[in-house]
Amino acid sequence: MSEKKRKPVFHEGPITSDFIARSIQSHSTKHDIGGHSIFLGQVRADQKEQARVVAIEYTAYVQMAEDVMHAIREEIFSRYPLTCMHIHHSLGTVKAGEICLFVFTSAAHRKEAIRACEEVVERIKKDVPVWGREILDDENYLWKENS
């Protein structure tokens, strides 16, 4: 898998349901896949101090972040027998209820796809230089901490 051309990870704004559906549908012709695992990260309308989160504005050092994402991708491919993996992360403003992270793994068997997907998500949250500024309904903001 590592010989393939690196695909961009970042997308301006939310990741749409149409994009997700097209990605899933494109795998219907791949008959060596027995299981998919999908993680969708959605912006929550958390209550913070005296205001509610209405959106998150994502920023990143794009080249550095894509290099880290690619390294994570290569490491996961070396550890799991995956057929394919897709990672998409939003930049810019994503409103509460919208999707900001889409990780999609496929393998011959479900357990490998599930384990790989979970590990990719955890590694993204821990290692990738992406920052989120929570925009509150009182027009203030807070920098989001990954957990």
C-alpha atoms as a PDB file:
ATOM      1  CA  MET A   1       0.000   0.000   0.000  1.00  0.00           C
ATOM      2  CA  SER A   2       2.824   2.433   0.763  1.00  0.00           C
ATOM      3  CA  GLU A   3       3.830   2.781  -2.901  1.00  0.00           C
ATOM      4  CA  LYS A   4       0.592   4.578  -3.694  1.00  0.00           C
ATOM      5  CA  LYS A   5       0.594   8.326  -4.169  1.00  0.00           C
ATOM      6  CA  ARG A   6      -0.105  10.230  -0.970  1.00  0.00           C
ATOM      7  CA  LYS A   7      -3.601  11.658  -0.975  1.00  0.00           C
ATOM      8  CA  PRO A   8      -4.484  14.931   0.752  1.00  0.00           C
ATOM      9  CA  VAL A   9      -5.931  14.438   4.211  1.00  0.00           C
ATOM     10  CA  PHE A  10      -7.359  17.875   4.880  1.00  0.00           C
ATOM     11  CA  HIS A  11     -10.632  19.307   3.578  1.00  0.00           C
ATOM     12  CA  GLU A  12     -11.916  22.816   4.013  1.00  0.00           C
ATOM     13  CA  GLY A  13     -15.069  22.803   6.152  1.00  0.00           C
ATOM     14  CA  PRO A  14     -17.139  19.820   7.267  1.00  0.00           C
ATOM     15  CA  ILE A  15     -16.940  16.370   5.729  1.00  0.00           C
ATOM     16  CA  THR A  16     -20.291  15.852   4.044  1.00  0.00           C
ATOM     17  CA  SER A  17     -22.514  12.800   4.149  1.00  0.00           C
ATOM     18  CA  ASP A  18     -22.350  12.694   0.334  1.00  0.00           C
ATOM     19  CA  PHE A  19     -18.554  12.443   0.473  1.00  0.00           C
ATOM     20  CA  ILE A  20     -18.768   9.652   3.069  1.00  0.00           C
ATOM     21  CA  ALA A  21     -21.413   7.768   1.066  1.00  0.00           C
ATOM     22  CA  ARG A  22     -19.369   7.992  -2.149  1.00  0.00           C
ATOM     23  CA  SER A  23     -16.312   6.694  -0.324  1.00  0.00           C
ATOM     24  CA  ILE A  24     -18.219   3.716   1.054  1.00  0.00           C
ATOM     25  CA  GLN A  25     -19.906   2.992  -2.279  1.00  0.00           C
ATOM     26  CA  SER A  26     -16.577   3.010  -4.134  1.00  0.00           C
ATOM     27  CA  HIS A  27     -15.567  -0.108  -2.206  1.00  0.00           C
ATOM     28  CA  SER A  28     -18.480  -2.261  -3.405  1.00  0.00           C
ATOM     29  CA  THR A  29     -16.409  -3.515  -6.353  1.00  0.00           C
ATOM     30  CA  LYS A  30     -13.540  -4.696  -4.118  1.00  0.00           C
ATOM     31  CA  HIS A  31     -14.384  -8.323  -3.452  1.00  0.00           C
ATOM     32  CA  ASP A  32     -11.449  -9.122  -1.154  1.00  0.00           C
ATOM     33  CA  ILE A  33     -12.891  -6.962   1.626  1.00  0.00           C
ATOM     34  CA  GLY A  34     -14.914  -8.694   4.326  1.00  0.00           C
ATOM     35  CA  GLY A  35     -15.150  -5.884   6.865  1.00  0.00           C
ATOM     36  CA  HIS A  36     -15.030  -2.119   7.122  1.00  0.00           C
ATOM     37  CA  SER A  37     -14.664   0.056  10.164  1.00  0.00           C
ATOM     38  CA  ILE A  38     -15.672   3.684  10.086  1.00  0.00           C
ATOM     39  CA  PHE A  39     -15.105   6.403  12.648  1.00  0.00           C
ATOM     40  CA  LEU A  40     -16.924   9.713  12.279  1.00  0.00           C
ATOM     41  CA  GLY A  41     -15.859  12.525  14.578  1.00  0.00           C
ATOM     42  CA  GLN A  42     -18.659  15.028  15.088  1.00  0.00           C
ATOM     43  CA  VAL A  43     -18.493  18.464  16.702  1.00  0.00           C
ATOM     44  CA  ARG A  44     -20.414  18.474  19.988  1.00  0.00           C
ATOM     45  CA  ALA A  45     -22.382  21.407  21.364  1.00  0.00           C
ATOM     46  CA  ASP A  46     -20.688  21.164  24.767  1.00  0.00           C
ATOM     47  CA  GLN A  47     -21.536  23.567  27.574  1.00  0.00           C
ATOM     48  CA  LYS A  48     -18.392  25.536  28.525  1.00  0.00           C
ATOM     49  CA  GLU A  49     -18.377  27.973  31.405  1.00  0.00           C
ATOM     50  CA  GLN A  50     -21.454  30.097  30.650  1.00  0.00           C
ATOM     51  CA  ALA A  51     -21.743  29.426  26.921  1.00  0.00           C
ATOM     52  CA  ARG A  52     -22.318  26.582  24.459  1.00  0.00           C
ATOM     53  CA  VAL A  53     -19.969  25.449  21.677  1.00  0.00           C
ATOM     54  CA  VAL A  54     -21.498  26.300  18.294  1.00  0.00           C
ATOM     55  CA  ALA A  55     -18.526  25.365  16.102  1.00  0.00           C
ATOM     56  CA  ILE A  56     -14.857  24.461  16.092  1.00  0.00           C
ATOM     57  CA  GLU A  57     -12.341  26.218  13.890  1.00  0.00           C
ATOM     58  CA  TYR A  58      -9.556  23.760  12.963  1.00  0.00           C
ATOM     59  CA  THR A  59      -6.039  24.832  12.035  1.00  0.00           C
ATOM     60  CA  ALA A  60      -2.887  22.844  11.343  1.00  0.00           C
ATOM     61  CA  TYR A  61       0.621  22.997  10.050  1.00  0.00           C
ATOM     62  CA  VAL A  62      -0.698  21.203   6.975  1.00  0.00           C
ATOM     63  CA  GLN A  63       2.534  19.783   5.537  1.00  0.00           C
ATOM     64  CA  MET A  64       3.769  18.638   8.949  1.00  0.00           C
ATOM     65  CA  ALA A  65       0.357  17.216   9.857  1.00  0.00           C
ATOM     66  CA  GLU A  66       0.094  15.350   6.552  1.00  0.00           C
ATOM     67  CA  ASP A  67       3.604  13.941   7.076  1.00  0.00           C
ATOM     68  CA  VAL A  68       2.591  12.669  10.523  1.00  0.00           C
ATOM     69  CA  MET A  69      -0.694  11.254   9.155  1.00  0.00           C
ATOM     70  CA  HIS A  70       1.240   9.481   6.391  1.00  0.00           C
ATOM     71  CA  ALA A  71       3.686   8.004   8.939  1.00  0.00           C
ATOM     72  CA  ILE A  72       0.764   6.773  11.059  1.00  0.00           C
ATOM     73  CA  ARG A  73      -0.857   5.295   7.943  1.00  0.00           C
ATOM     74  CA  GLU A  74       2.327   3.457   6.968  1.00  0.00           C
ATOM     75  CA  GLU A  75       2.833   2.114  10.494  1.00  0.00           C
ATOM     76  CA  ILE A  76      -0.758   0.844  10.703  1.00  0.00           C
ATOM     77  CA  PHE A  77      -0.425  -0.841   7.295  1.00  0.00           C
ATOM     78  CA  SER A  78       2.723  -2.586   8.538  1.00  0.00           C
ATOM     79  CA  ARG A  79       0.903  -3.932  11.604  1.00  0.00           C
ATOM     80  CA  TYR A  80      -2.524  -4.885  10.226  1.00  0.00           C
ATOM     81  CA  PRO A  81      -3.508  -6.790   7.056  1.00  0.00           C
ATOM     82  CA  LEU A  82      -5.602  -3.950   5.639  1.00  0.00           C
ATOM     83  CA  THR A  83      -6.935  -3.696   2.134  1.00  0.00           C
ATOM     84  CA  CYS A  84      -7.245   0.088   2.304  1.00  0.00           C
ATOM     85  CA  MET A  85      -7.440   3.062   4.643  1.00  0.00           C
ATOM     86  CA  HIS A  86      -8.785   6.583   4.197  1.00  0.00           C
ATOM     87  CA  ILE A  87      -8.262   9.514   6.557  1.00  0.00           C
ATOM     88  CA  HIS A  88     -10.022  12.862   6.121  1.00  0.00           C
ATOM     89  CA  HIS A  89      -9.857  15.770   8.573  1.00  0.00           C
ATOM     90  CA  SER A  90     -11.522  19.166   8.395  1.00  0.00           C
ATOM     91  CA  LEU A  91      -9.816  22.524   8.432  1.00  0.00           C
ATOM     92  CA  GLY A  92     -11.669  25.772   8.968  1.00  0.00           C
ATOM     93  CA  THR A  93     -15.022  26.094  10.670  1.00  0.00           C
ATOM     94  CA  VAL A  94     -17.166  23.051  11.398  1.00  0.00           C
ATOM     95  CA  LYS A  95     -20.504  23.656  13.124  1.00  0.00           C
ATOM     96  CA  ALA A  96     -21.913  21.564  15.971  1.00  0.00           C
ATOM     97  CA  GLY A  97     -23.476  18.427  14.508  1.00  0.00           C
ATOM     98  CA  GLU A  98     -21.169  18.352  11.478  1.00  0.00           C
ATOM     99  CA  ILE A  99     -18.441  15.778  10.785  1.00  0.00           C
ATOM    100  CA  CYS A 100     -14.808  16.853  11.247  1.00  0.00           C
ATOM    101  CA  LEU A 101     -12.961  13.495  11.056  1.00  0.00           C
ATOM    102  CA  PHE A 102     -13.606  10.482   8.834  1.00  0.00           C
ATOM    103  CA  VAL A 103     -11.435   7.378   9.198  1.00  0.00           C
ATOM    104  CA  PHE A 104     -12.316   4.367   7.054  1.00  0.00           C
ATOM    105  CA  THR A 105     -10.401   1.066   7.207  1.00  0.00           C
ATOM    106  CA  SER A 106     -11.053  -2.119   5.252  1.00  0.00           C
ATOM    107  CA  ALA A 107      -9.688  -5.644   5.576  1.00  0.00           C
ATOM    108  CA  ALA A 108     -10.500  -9.221   4.707  1.00  0.00           C
ATOM    109  CA  HIS A 109     -11.797  -9.664   8.272  1.00  0.00           C
ATOM    110  CA  ARG A 110     -13.674  -7.255  10.550  1.00  0.00           C
ATOM    111  CA  LYS A 111     -11.440  -7.475  13.637  1.00  0.00           C
ATOM    112  CA  GLU A 112      -8.385  -6.149  11.810  1.00  0.00           C
ATOM    113  CA  ALA A 113     -10.395  -3.294  10.293  1.00  0.00           C
ATOM    114  CA  ILE A 114     -11.881  -2.382  13.687  1.00  0.00           C
ATOM    115  CA  ARG A 115      -8.590  -2.511  15.588  1.00  0.00           C
ATOM    116  CA  ALA A 116      -6.728  -0.543  12.934  1.00  0.00           C
ATOM    117  CA  CYS A 117      -9.439   2.142  12.765  1.00  0.00           C
ATOM    118  CA  GLU A 118      -9.432   2.601  16.524  1.00  0.00           C
ATOM    119  CA  GLU A 119      -5.652   2.879  16.626  1.00  0.00           C
ATOM    120  CA  VAL A 120      -5.577   5.402  13.781  1.00  0.00           C
ATOM    121  CA  VAL A 121      -8.093   7.631  15.577  1.00  0.00           C
ATOM    122  CA  GLU A 122      -6.159   7.481  18.855  1.00  0.00           C
ATOM    123  CA  ARG A 123      -2.883   8.276  17.104  1.00  0.00           C
ATOM    124  CA  ILE A 124      -4.432  11.234  15.235  1.00  0.00           C
ATOM    125  CA  LYS A 125      -5.732  12.713  18.490  1.00  0.00           C
ATOM    126  CA  LYS A 126      -2.365  12.179  20.218  1.00  0.00           C
ATOM    127  CA  ASP A 127       0.255  12.889  17.542  1.00  0.00           C
ATOM    128  CA  VAL A 128      -1.041  15.064  14.699  1.00  0.00           C
ATOM    129  CA  PRO A 129      -0.485  18.843  14.962  1.00  0.00           C
ATOM    130  CA  VAL A 130      -4.107  19.952  14.510  1.00  0.00           C
ATOM    131  CA  TRP A 131      -5.684  22.521  16.789  1.00  0.00           C
ATOM    132  CA  GLY A 132      -9.311  23.355  17.399  1.00  0.00           C
ATOM    133  CA  ARG A 133     -10.641  26.667  18.625  1.00  0.00           C
ATOM    134  CA  GLU A 134     -14.100  26.183  20.107  1.00  0.00           C
ATOM    135  CA  ILE A 135     -16.391  29.029  19.086  1.00  0.00           C
ATOM    136  CA  LEU A 136     -18.990  29.764  21.745  1.00  0.00           C
ATOM    137  CA  ASP A 137     -22.479  31.178  21.378  1.00  0.00           C
ATOM    138  CA  ASP A 138     -21.441  34.233  23.425  1.00  0.00           C
ATOM    139  CA  GLU A 139     -18.835  35.021  20.698  1.00  0.00           C
ATOM    140  CA  ASN A 140     -15.894  34.029  22.906  1.00  0.00           C
ATOM    141  CA  TYR A 141     -13.667  31.060  22.164  1.00  0.00           C
ATOM    142  CA  LEU A 142     -11.592  28.416  23.930  1.00  0.00           C
ATOM    143  CA  TRP A 143      -8.708  26.337  22.596  1.00  0.00           C
ATOM    144  CA  LYS A 144      -9.740  22.685  22.562  1.00  0.00           C
ATOM    145  CA  GLU A 145      -7.549  20.104  24.265  1.00  0.00           C
ATOM    146  CA  ASN A 146      -7.405  16.627  22.718  1.00  0.00           C
ATOM    147  CA  SER A 147      -8.081  13.709  24.997  1.00  0.00           C
END
